[in-house]
PDB file of all heavy atoms in Angstrom:
ATOM      1  N   ASP A   1      60.574 201.656 109.047  1.00  0.00           N
ATOM      2  CA  ASP A   1      59.518 201.907 108.064  1.00  0.00           C
ATOM      3  C   ASP A   1      58.745 203.183 108.381  1.00  0.00           C
ATOM      4  O   ASP A   1      58.097 203.761 107.517  1.00  0.00           O
ATOM      5  CB  ASP A   1      58.550 200.718 107.986  1.00  0.00           C
ATOM      6  CG  ASP A   1      57.834 200.452 109.302  1.00  0.00           C
ATOM      7  OD1 ASP A   1      58.494 200.531 110.365  1.00  0.00           O
ATOM      8  OD2 ASP A   1      56.628 200.157 109.273  1.00  0.00           O
ATOM      9  N   GLU A   2      58.829 203.651 109.635  1.00  0.00           N
ATOM     10  CA  GLU A   2      58.086 204.826 110.070  1.00  0.00           C
ATOM     11  C   GLU A   2      58.796 206.149 109.761  1.00  0.00           C
ATOM     12  O   GLU A   2      58.195 207.220 109.859  1.00  0.00           O
ATOM     13  CB  GLU A   2      57.832 204.759 111.586  1.00  0.00           C
ATOM     14  CG  GLU A   2      57.231 203.461 112.083  1.00  0.00           C
ATOM     15  CD  GLU A   2      55.746 203.352 111.836  1.00  0.00           C
ATOM     16  OE1 GLU A   2      55.170 204.319 111.280  1.00  0.00           O
ATOM     17  OE2 GLU A   2      55.152 202.327 112.200  1.00  0.00           O
ATOM     18  N   LEU A   3      60.073 206.100 109.390  1.00  0.00           N
ATOM     19  CA  LEU A   3      60.862 207.327 109.230  1.00  0.00           C
ATOM     20  C   LEU A   3      60.272 208.352 108.253  1.00  0.00           C
ATOM     21  O   LEU A   3      60.398 209.556 108.492  1.00  0.00           O
ATOM     22  CB  LEU A   3      62.288 206.970 108.815  1.00  0.00           C
ATOM     23  CG  LEU A   3      63.162 206.368 109.917  1.00  0.00           C
ATOM     24  CD1 LEU A   3      64.528 205.971 109.361  1.00  0.00           C
ATOM     25  CD2 LEU A   3      63.313 207.344 111.076  1.00  0.00           C
ATOM     26  N   PRO A   4      59.626 207.926 107.144  1.00  0.00           N
ATOM     27  CA  PRO A   4      59.042 208.938 106.245  1.00  0.00           C
ATOM     28  C   PRO A   4      57.970 209.808 106.900  1.00  0.00           C
ATOM     29  O   PRO A   4      57.603 210.853 106.348  1.00  0.00           O
ATOM     30  CB  PRO A   4      58.451 208.083 105.109  1.00  0.00           C
ATOM     31  CG  PRO A   4      59.329 206.876 105.065  1.00  0.00           C
ATOM     32  CD  PRO A   4      59.605 206.587 106.519  1.00  0.00           C
ATOM     33  N   GLN A   5      57.499 209.407 108.080  1.00  0.00           N
ATOM     34  CA  GLN A   5      56.509 210.229 108.773  1.00  0.00           C
ATOM     35  C   GLN A   5      57.102 211.532 109.286  1.00  0.00           C
ATOM     36  O   GLN A   5      56.363 212.420 109.729  1.00  0.00           O
ATOM     37  CB  GLN A   5      55.872 209.431 109.915  1.00  0.00           C
ATOM     38  CG  GLN A   5      54.906 208.371 109.416  1.00  0.00           C
ATOM     39  CD  GLN A   5      54.616 207.299 110.434  1.00  0.00           C
ATOM     40  OE1 GLN A   5      54.305 207.606 111.581  1.00  0.00           O
ATOM     41  NE2 GLN A   5      54.718 206.035 110.034  1.00  0.00           N
ATOM     42  N   LEU A   6      58.418 211.669 109.206  1.00  0.00           N
ATOM     43  CA  LEU A   6      59.036 212.955 109.512  1.00  0.00           C
ATOM     44  C   LEU A   6      58.497 214.018 108.557  1.00  0.00           C
ATOM     45  O   LEU A   6      58.369 215.191 108.923  1.00  0.00           O
ATOM     46  CB  LEU A   6      60.557 212.857 109.395  1.00  0.00           C
ATOM     47  CG  LEU A   6      61.263 212.026 110.475  1.00  0.00           C
ATOM     48  CD1 LEU A   6      62.723 211.798 110.100  1.00  0.00           C
ATOM     49  CD2 LEU A   6      61.150 212.719 111.834  1.00  0.00           C
ATOM     50  N   ILE A   7      58.167 213.602 107.345  1.00  0.00           N
ATOM     51  CA  ILE A   7      57.566 214.524 106.368  1.00  0.00           C
ATOM     52  C   ILE A   7      56.179 214.927 106.837  1.00  0.00           C
ATOM     53  O   ILE A   7      55.793 216.096 106.742  1.00  0.00           O
ATOM     54  CB  ILE A   7      57.501 213.868 104.981  1.00  0.00           C
ATOM     55  CG1 ILE A   7      58.900 213.565 104.469  1.00  0.00           C
ATOM     56  CG2 ILE A   7      56.763 214.778 103.989  1.00  0.00           C
ATOM     57  CD1 ILE A   7      58.928 212.779 103.175  1.00  0.00           C
ATOM     58  N   ASN A   8      55.407 213.955 107.350  1.00  0.00           N
ATOM     59  CA  ASN A   8      54.071 214.257 107.878  1.00  0.00           C
ATOM     60  C   ASN A   8      54.140 215.272 109.013  1.00  0.00           C
ATOM     61  O   ASN A   8      53.277 216.146 109.140  1.00  0.00           O
ATOM     62  CB  ASN A   8      53.393 212.985 108.391  1.00  0.00           C
ATOM     63  CG  ASN A   8      52.938 212.057 107.281  1.00  0.00           C
ATOM     64  OD1 ASN A   8      53.394 210.921 107.177  1.00  0.00           O
ATOM     65  ND2 ASN A   8      52.039 212.531 106.439  1.00  0.00           N
ATOM     66  N   ILE A   9      55.171 215.137 109.846  1.00  0.00           N
ATOM     67  CA  ILE A   9      55.336 216.072 110.958  1.00  0.00           C
ATOM     68  C   ILE A   9      55.736 217.446 110.444  1.00  0.00           C
ATOM     69  O   ILE A   9      55.210 218.475 110.885  1.00  0.00           O
ATOM     70  CB  ILE A   9      56.391 215.548 111.959  1.00  0.00           C
ATOM     71  CG1 ILE A   9      55.938 214.212 112.556  1.00  0.00           C
ATOM     72  CG2 ILE A   9      56.623 216.574 113.070  1.00  0.00           C
ATOM     73  CD1 ILE A   9      56.985 213.535 113.423  1.00  0.00           C
ATOM     74  N   LEU A  10      56.644 217.466 109.489  1.00  0.00           N
ATOM     75  CA  LEU A  10      57.132 218.738 108.937  1.00  0.00           C
ATOM     76  C   LEU A  10      56.009 219.543 108.303  1.00  0.00           C
ATOM     77  O   LEU A  10      55.958 220.770 108.462  1.00  0.00           O
ATOM     78  CB  LEU A  10      58.229 218.464 107.911  1.00  0.00           C
ATOM     79  CG  LEU A  10      58.859 219.691 107.244  1.00  0.00           C
ATOM     80  CD1 LEU A  10      59.564 220.563 108.274  1.00  0.00           C
ATOM     81  CD2 LEU A  10      59.834 219.264 106.158  1.00  0.00           C
ATOM     82  N   ILE A  11      55.088 218.882 107.595  1.00  0.00           N
ATOM     83  CA  ILE A  11      54.024 219.611 106.914  1.00  0.00           C
ATOM     84  C   ILE A  11      52.800 219.843 107.812  1.00  0.00           C
ATOM     85  O   ILE A  11      51.827 220.462 107.384  1.00  0.00           O
ATOM     86  CB  ILE A  11      53.590 218.895 105.615  1.00  0.00           C
ATOM     87  CG1 ILE A  11      53.002 217.511 105.923  1.00  0.00           C
ATOM     88  CG2 ILE A  11      54.757 218.791 104.663  1.00  0.00           C
ATOM     89  CD1 ILE A  11      52.543 216.751 104.681  1.00  0.00           C
ATOM     90  N   GLY A  12      52.870 219.338 109.047  1.00  0.00           N
ATOM     91  CA  GLY A  12      51.830 219.664 110.016  1.00  0.00           C
ATOM     92  C   GLY A  12      50.701 218.671 110.171  1.00  0.00           C
ATOM     93  O   GLY A  12      49.740 218.937 110.895  1.00  0.00           O
ATOM     94  N   ASP A  13      50.783 217.513 109.516  1.00  0.00           N
ATOM     95  CA  ASP A  13      49.730 216.501 109.660  1.00  0.00           C
ATOM     96  C   ASP A  13      49.844 215.739 110.970  1.00  0.00           C
ATOM     97  O   ASP A  13      48.845 215.232 111.492  1.00  0.00           O
ATOM     98  CB  ASP A  13      49.791 215.483 108.517  1.00  0.00           C
ATOM     99  CG  ASP A  13      49.349 216.077 107.192  1.00  0.00           C
ATOM    100  OD1 ASP A  13      48.503 216.989 107.209  1.00  0.00           O
ATOM    101  OD2 ASP A  13      49.850 215.636 106.142  1.00  0.00           O
ATOM    102  N   MET A  14      51.084 215.630 111.469  1.00  0.00           N
ATOM    103  CA  MET A  14      51.335 214.833 112.658  1.00  0.00           C
ATOM    104  C   MET A  14      52.240 215.570 113.635  1.00  0.00           C
ATOM    105  O   MET A  14      52.800 216.619 113.316  1.00  0.00           O
ATOM    106  CB  MET A  14      51.987 213.488 112.269  1.00  0.00           C
ATOM    107  CG  MET A  14      51.084 212.535 111.512  1.00  0.00           C
ATOM    108  SD  MET A  14      51.940 211.008 111.003  1.00  0.00           S
ATOM    109  CE  MET A  14      52.451 210.332 112.590  1.00  0.00           C
ATOM    110  N   SER A  15      52.383 214.982 114.808  1.00  0.00           N
ATOM    111  CA  SER A  15      53.292 215.473 115.834  1.00  0.00           C
ATOM    112  C   SER A  15      54.254 214.334 116.186  1.00  0.00           C
ATOM    113  O   SER A  15      54.027 213.187 115.812  1.00  0.00           O
ATOM    114  CB  SER A  15      52.495 215.882 117.085  1.00  0.00           C
ATOM    115  OG  SER A  15      53.360 216.193 118.154  1.00  0.00           O
ATOM    116  N   PHE A  16      55.321 214.640 116.896  1.00  0.00           N
ATOM    117  CA  PHE A  16      56.200 213.566 117.352  1.00  0.00           C
ATOM    118  C   PHE A  16      55.479 212.687 118.375  1.00  0.00           C
ATOM    119  O   PHE A  16      55.678 211.475 118.422  1.00  0.00           O
ATOM    120  CB  PHE A  16      57.484 214.136 117.961  1.00  0.00           C
ATOM    121  CG  PHE A  16      58.552 214.409 116.949  1.00  0.00           C
ATOM    122  CD1 PHE A  16      58.800 215.711 116.525  1.00  0.00           C
ATOM    123  CD2 PHE A  16      59.306 213.379 116.402  1.00  0.00           C
ATOM    124  CE1 PHE A  16      59.789 215.974 115.582  1.00  0.00           C
ATOM    125  CE2 PHE A  16      60.293 213.639 115.454  1.00  0.00           C
ATOM    126  CZ  PHE A  16      60.533 214.940 115.047  1.00  0.00           C
ATOM    127  N   VAL A  17      54.635 213.304 119.201  1.00  0.00           N
ATOM    128  CA  VAL A  17      53.911 212.555 120.238  1.00  0.00           C
ATOM    129  C   VAL A  17      52.420 212.832 120.129  1.00  0.00           C
ATOM    130  O   VAL A  17      51.987 213.975 120.000  1.00  0.00           O
ATOM    131  CB  VAL A  17      54.397 212.943 121.648  1.00  0.00           C
ATOM    132  CG1 VAL A  17      53.654 212.117 122.706  1.00  0.00           C
ATOM    133  CG2 VAL A  17      55.900 212.737 121.785  1.00  0.00           C
ATOM    134  N   GLY A  18      51.634 211.775 120.186  1.00  0.00           N
ATOM    135  CA  GLY A  18      50.180 211.890 120.112  1.00  0.00           C
ATOM    136  C   GLY A  18      49.587 210.512 119.854  1.00  0.00           C
ATOM    137  O   GLY A  18      50.330 209.551 119.626  1.00  0.00           O
ATOM    138  N   PRO A  19      48.281 210.380 119.859  1.00  0.00           N
ATOM    139  CA  PRO A  19      47.666 209.096 119.530  1.00  0.00           C
ATOM    140  C   PRO A  19      48.049 208.677 118.113  1.00  0.00           C
ATOM    141  O   PRO A  19      48.044 209.506 117.206  1.00  0.00           O
ATOM    142  CB  PRO A  19      46.165 209.388 119.633  1.00  0.00           C
ATOM    143  CG  PRO A  19      46.071 210.582 120.526  1.00  0.00           C
ATOM    144  CD  PRO A  19      47.285 211.399 120.218  1.00  0.00           C
ATOM    145  N   ARG A  20      48.401 207.420 117.912  1.00  0.00           N
ATOM    146  CA  ARG A  20      48.758 206.963 116.569  1.00  0.00           C
ATOM    147  C   ARG A  20      47.565 207.119 115.637  1.00  0.00           C
ATOM    148  O   ARG A  20      46.419 206.853 116.015  1.00  0.00           O
ATOM    149  CB  ARG A  20      49.193 205.502 116.597  1.00  0.00           C
ATOM    150  CG  ARG A  20      50.603 205.305 117.092  1.00  0.00           C
ATOM    151  CD  ARG A  20      51.633 205.922 116.177  1.00  0.00           C
ATOM    152  NE  ARG A  20      51.701 205.243 114.882  1.00  0.00           N
ATOM    153  CZ  ARG A  20      52.394 205.695 113.846  1.00  0.00           C
ATOM    154  NH1 ARG A  20      53.049 206.848 113.916  1.00  0.00           N
ATOM    155  NH2 ARG A  20      52.420 205.024 112.713  1.00  0.00           N
ATOM    156  N   PRO A  21      47.794 207.582 114.400  1.00  0.00           N
ATOM    157  CA  PRO A  21      46.677 207.772 113.457  1.00  0.00           C
ATOM    158  C   PRO A  21      46.179 206.441 112.896  1.00  0.00           C
ATOM    159  O   PRO A  21      46.954 205.689 112.296  1.00  0.00           O
ATOM    160  CB  PRO A  21      47.311 208.640 112.359  1.00  0.00           C
ATOM    161  CG  PRO A  21      48.761 208.273 112.385  1.00  0.00           C
ATOM    162  CD  PRO A  21      49.087 207.985 113.818  1.00  0.00           C
ATOM    163  N   PHE A  22      44.907 206.154 113.115  1.00  0.00           N
ATOM    164  CA  PHE A  22      44.313 204.936 112.584  1.00  0.00           C
ATOM    165  C   PHE A  22      43.819 205.171 111.159  1.00  0.00           C
ATOM    166  O   PHE A  22      43.668 206.312 110.721  1.00  0.00           O
ATOM    167  CB  PHE A  22      43.148 204.480 113.461  1.00  0.00           C
ATOM    168  CG  PHE A  22      43.564 204.079 114.860  1.00  0.00           C
ATOM    169  CD1 PHE A  22      42.695 204.278 115.932  1.00  0.00           C
ATOM    170  CD2 PHE A  22      44.800 203.509 115.104  1.00  0.00           C
ATOM    171  CE1 PHE A  22      43.064 203.908 117.215  1.00  0.00           C
ATOM    172  CE2 PHE A  22      45.193 203.132 116.383  1.00  0.00           C
ATOM    173  CZ  PHE A  22      44.314 203.340 117.448  1.00  0.00           C
ATOM    174  N   VAL A  23      43.545 204.088 110.456  1.00  0.00           N
ATOM    175  CA  VAL A  23      43.077 204.219 109.071  1.00  0.00           C
ATOM    176  C   VAL A  23      41.772 205.007 109.025  1.00  0.00           C
ATOM    177  O   VAL A  23      40.954 204.952 109.953  1.00  0.00           O
ATOM    178  CB  VAL A  23      42.898 202.837 108.410  1.00  0.00           C
ATOM    179  CG1 VAL A  23      44.226 202.126 108.282  1.00  0.00           C
ATOM    180  CG2 VAL A  23      41.906 201.977 109.179  1.00  0.00           C
ATOM    181  N   ALA A  24      41.575 205.745 107.940  1.00  0.00           N
ATOM    182  CA  ALA A  24      40.425 206.646 107.807  1.00  0.00           C
ATOM    183  C   ALA A  24      39.099 205.912 107.906  1.00  0.00           C
ATOM    184  O   ALA A  24      38.101 206.477 108.364  1.00  0.00           O
ATOM    185  CB  ALA A  24      40.510 207.404 106.482  1.00  0.00           C
ATOM    186  N   GLU A  25      39.077 204.638 107.499  1.00  0.00           N
ATOM    187  CA  GLU A  25      37.826 203.874 107.508  1.00  0.00           C
ATOM    188  C   GLU A  25      37.280 203.660 108.916  1.00  0.00           C
ATOM    189  O   GLU A  25      36.088 203.417 109.099  1.00  0.00           O
ATOM    190  CB  GLU A  25      38.051 202.507 106.840  1.00  0.00           C
ATOM    191  CG  GLU A  25      38.225 202.560 105.330  1.00  0.00           C
ATOM    192  CD  GLU A  25      39.579 203.084 104.907  1.00  0.00           C
ATOM    193  OE1 GLU A  25      40.494 203.130 105.769  1.00  0.00           O
ATOM    194  OE2 GLU A  25      39.738 203.452 103.721  1.00  0.00           O
ATOM    195  N   TYR A  26      38.146 203.763 109.922  1.00  0.00           N
ATOM    196  CA  TYR A  26      37.688 203.562 111.300  1.00  0.00           C
ATOM    197  C   TYR A  26      36.853 204.733 111.819  1.00  0.00           C
ATOM    198  O   TYR A  26      36.135 204.602 112.800  1.00  0.00           O
ATOM    199  CB  TYR A  26      38.881 203.370 112.235  1.00  0.00           C
ATOM    200  CG  TYR A  26      39.627 202.066 112.085  1.00  0.00           C
ATOM    201  CD1 TYR A  26      40.816 201.841 112.783  1.00  0.00           C
ATOM    202  CD2 TYR A  26      39.165 201.054 111.249  1.00  0.00           C
ATOM    203  CE1 TYR A  26      41.515 200.647 112.647  1.00  0.00           C
ATOM    204  CE2 TYR A  26      39.856 199.866 111.107  1.00  0.00           C
ATOM    205  CZ  TYR A  26      41.024 199.662 111.808  1.00  0.00           C
ATOM    206  OH  TYR A  26      41.719 198.487 111.682  1.00  0.00           O
ATOM    207  N   LYS A  27      36.988 205.879 111.170  1.00  0.00           N
ATOM    208  CA  LYS A  27      36.347 207.101 111.677  1.00  0.00           C
ATOM    209  C   LYS A  27      34.857 206.930 111.897  1.00  0.00           C
ATOM    210  O   LYS A  27      34.302 207.408 112.889  1.00  0.00           O
ATOM    211  CB  LYS A  27      36.618 208.259 110.715  1.00  0.00           C
ATOM    212  CG  LYS A  27      36.071 209.602 111.192  1.00  0.00           C
ATOM    213  CD  LYS A  27      36.666 210.755 110.410  1.00  0.00           C
ATOM    214  CE  LYS A  27      36.365 210.698 108.942  1.00  0.00           C
ATOM    215  NZ  LYS A  27      36.805 211.930 108.244  1.00  0.00           N
ATOM    216  N   LYS A  28      34.196 206.224 110.998  1.00  0.00           N
ATOM    217  CA  LYS A  28      32.747 206.054 111.110  1.00  0.00           C
ATOM    218  C   LYS A  28      32.353 205.050 112.198  1.00  0.00           C
ATOM    219  O   LYS A  28      31.166 204.919 112.530  1.00  0.00           O
ATOM    220  CB  LYS A  28      32.164 205.597 109.771  1.00  0.00           C
ATOM    221  CG  LYS A  28      32.694 204.279 109.258  1.00  0.00           C
ATOM    222  CD  LYS A  28      32.053 203.936 107.912  1.00  0.00           C
ATOM    223  CE  LYS A  28      32.562 202.602 107.361  1.00  0.00           C
ATOM    224  NZ  LYS A  28      34.000 202.662 107.008  1.00  0.00           N
ATOM    225  N   LEU A  29      33.341 204.361 112.784  1.00  0.00           N
ATOM    226  CA  LEU A  29      33.061 203.344 113.797  1.00  0.00           C
ATOM    227  C   LEU A  29      33.219 203.869 115.219  1.00  0.00           C
ATOM    228  O   LEU A  29      32.806 203.217 116.175  1.00  0.00           O
ATOM    229  CB  LEU A  29      34.000 202.146 113.605  1.00  0.00           C
ATOM    230  CG  LEU A  29      33.939 201.429 112.250  1.00  0.00           C
ATOM    231  CD1 LEU A  29      34.993 200.328 112.200  1.00  0.00           C
ATOM    232  CD2 LEU A  29      32.553 200.848 112.006  1.00  0.00           C
ATOM    233  N   TYR A  30      33.822 205.065 115.380  1.00  0.00           N
ATOM    234  CA  TYR A  30      34.088 205.592 116.713  1.00  0.00           C
ATOM    235  C   TYR A  30      32.818 206.024 117.442  1.00  0.00           C
ATOM    236  O   TYR A  30      31.868 206.521 116.826  1.00  0.00           O
ATOM    237  CB  TYR A  30      35.002 206.822 116.639  1.00  0.00           C
ATOM    238  CG  TYR A  30      36.377 206.581 116.092  1.00  0.00           C
ATOM    239  CD1 TYR A  30      36.998 207.542 115.289  1.00  0.00           C
ATOM    240  CD2 TYR A  30      37.077 205.421 116.361  1.00  0.00           C
ATOM    241  CE1 TYR A  30      38.267 207.345 114.784  1.00  0.00           C
ATOM    242  CE2 TYR A  30      38.349 205.217 115.861  1.00  0.00           C
ATOM    243  CZ  TYR A  30      38.937 206.174 115.076  1.00  0.00           C
ATOM    244  OH  TYR A  30      40.198 205.988 114.574  1.00  0.00           O
ATOM    245  N   THR A  31      32.835 205.881 118.751  1.00  0.00           N
ATOM    246  CA  THR A  31      31.821 206.518 119.578  1.00  0.00           C
ATOM    247  C   THR A  31      32.250 207.982 119.736  1.00  0.00           C
ATOM    248  O   THR A  31      33.385 208.344 119.406  1.00  0.00           O
ATOM    249  CB  THR A  31      31.737 205.858 120.961  1.00  0.00           C
ATOM    250  OG1 THR A  31      32.992 206.065 121.652  1.00  0.00           O
ATOM    251  CG2 THR A  31      31.470 204.361 120.853  1.00  0.00           C
ATOM    252  N   SER A  32      31.347 208.811 120.237  1.00  0.00           N
ATOM    253  CA  SER A  32      31.697 210.224 120.415  1.00  0.00           C
ATOM    254  C   SER A  32      32.861 210.374 121.396  1.00  0.00           C
ATOM    255  O   SER A  32      33.717 211.258 121.238  1.00  0.00           O
ATOM    256  CB  SER A  32      30.484 211.009 120.925  1.00  0.00           C
ATOM    257  OG  SER A  32      29.997 210.459 122.143  1.00  0.00           O
ATOM    258  N   LYS A  33      32.930 209.499 122.389  1.00  0.00           N
ATOM    259  CA  LYS A  33      34.024 209.553 123.355  1.00  0.00           C
ATOM    260  C   LYS A  33      35.330 209.144 122.692  1.00  0.00           C
ATOM    261  O   LYS A  33      36.364 209.803 122.879  1.00  0.00           O
ATOM    262  CB  LYS A  33      33.729 208.625 124.536  1.00  0.00           C
ATOM    263  CG  LYS A  33      34.811 208.649 125.607  1.00  0.00           C
ATOM    264  CD  LYS A  33      34.450 207.738 126.775  1.00  0.00           C
ATOM    265  CE  LYS A  33      35.540 207.767 127.842  1.00  0.00           C
ATOM    266  NZ  LYS A  33      35.209 206.874 128.992  1.00  0.00           N
ATOM    267  N   GLN A  34      35.323 208.078 121.910  1.00  0.00           N
ATOM    268  CA  GLN A  34      36.533 207.612 121.232  1.00  0.00           C
ATOM    269  C   GLN A  34      37.053 208.651 120.247  1.00  0.00           C
ATOM    270  O   GLN A  34      38.264 208.787 120.063  1.00  0.00           O
ATOM    271  CB  GLN A  34      36.255 206.295 120.510  1.00  0.00           C
ATOM    272  CG  GLN A  34      36.020 205.119 121.443  1.00  0.00           C
ATOM    273  CD  GLN A  34      35.506 203.894 120.715  1.00  0.00           C
ATOM    274  OE1 GLN A  34      34.984 203.996 119.588  1.00  0.00           O
ATOM    275  NE2 GLN A  34      35.621 202.734 121.332  1.00  0.00           N
ATOM    276  N   PHE A  35      36.137 209.403 119.642  1.00  0.00           N
ATOM    277  CA  PHE A  35      36.543 210.389 118.632  1.00  0.00           C
ATOM    278  C   PHE A  35      37.368 211.525 119.245  1.00  0.00           C
ATOM    279  O   PHE A  35      38.100 212.221 118.533  1.00  0.00           O
ATOM    280  CB  PHE A  35      35.314 210.963 117.930  1.00  0.00           C
ATOM    281  CG  PHE A  35      35.639 211.711 116.667  1.00  0.00           C
ATOM    282  CD1 PHE A  35      35.867 211.024 115.489  1.00  0.00           C
ATOM    283  CD2 PHE A  35      35.736 213.093 116.657  1.00  0.00           C
ATOM    284  CE1 PHE A  35      36.187 211.698 114.315  1.00  0.00           C
ATOM    285  CE2 PHE A  35      36.046 213.784 115.493  1.00  0.00           C
ATOM    286  CZ  PHE A  35      36.271 213.080 114.320  1.00  0.00           C
ATOM    287  N   LYS A  36      37.282 211.689 120.563  1.00  0.00           N
ATOM    288  CA  LYS A  36      38.032 212.749 121.234  1.00  0.00           C
ATOM    289  C   LYS A  36      39.544 212.530 121.136  1.00  0.00           C
ATOM    290  O   LYS A  36      40.318 213.439 121.415  1.00  0.00           O
ATOM    291  CB  LYS A  36      37.611 212.847 122.707  1.00  0.00           C
ATOM    292  CG  LYS A  36      36.214 213.417 122.905  1.00  0.00           C
ATOM    293  CD  LYS A  36      35.880 213.573 124.370  1.00  0.00           C
ATOM    294  CE  LYS A  36      34.488 214.169 124.569  1.00  0.00           C
ATOM    295  NZ  LYS A  36      34.376 215.516 124.018  1.00  0.00           N
ATOM    296  N   ARG A  37      39.967 211.335 120.724  1.00  0.00           N
ATOM    297  CA  ARG A  37      41.395 211.099 120.517  1.00  0.00           C
ATOM    298  C   ARG A  37      41.941 212.001 119.408  1.00  0.00           C
ATOM    299  O   ARG A  37      43.144 212.202 119.281  1.00  0.00           O
ATOM    300  CB  ARG A  37      41.664 209.626 120.186  1.00  0.00           C
ATOM    301  CG  ARG A  37      41.196 209.203 118.804  1.00  0.00           C
ATOM    302  CD  ARG A  37      41.272 207.697 118.597  1.00  0.00           C
ATOM    303  NE  ARG A  37      42.600 207.149 118.807  1.00  0.00           N
ATOM    304  CZ  ARG A  37      43.563 207.142 117.901  1.00  0.00           C
ATOM    305  NH1 ARG A  37      43.350 207.678 116.703  1.00  0.00           N
ATOM    306  NH2 ARG A  37      44.729 206.606 118.162  1.00  0.00           N
ATOM    307  N   HIS A  38      41.018 212.561 118.612  1.00  0.00           N
ATOM    308  CA  HIS A  38      41.409 213.441 117.516  1.00  0.00           C
ATOM    309  C   HIS A  38      41.383 214.923 117.907  1.00  0.00           C
ATOM    310  O   HIS A  38      41.462 215.792 117.049  1.00  0.00           O
ATOM    311  CB  HIS A  38      40.505 213.210 116.306  1.00  0.00           C
ATOM    312  CG  HIS A  38      40.602 211.819 115.756  1.00  0.00           C
ATOM    313  ND1 HIS A  38      41.754 211.324 115.193  1.00  0.00           N
ATOM    314  CD2 HIS A  38      39.693 210.808 115.714  1.00  0.00           C
ATOM    315  CE1 HIS A  38      41.549 210.066 114.812  1.00  0.00           C
ATOM    316  NE2 HIS A  38      40.318 209.731 115.120  1.00  0.00           N
TER     317      HIS A  38
END
C-alpha cells in the first residue's frame, strides 16, 4: 500500500529514509523538541 509514495519521493516531498510523516493534525500537538523531527 506504500508503493505510491515513490511519487512523493520523486517530487521531493519525501525521502527513502527519514521519520515517517504523521498526519497534519498532529502538528499543533508537538512540543518544540518533538517538532525537530521535521
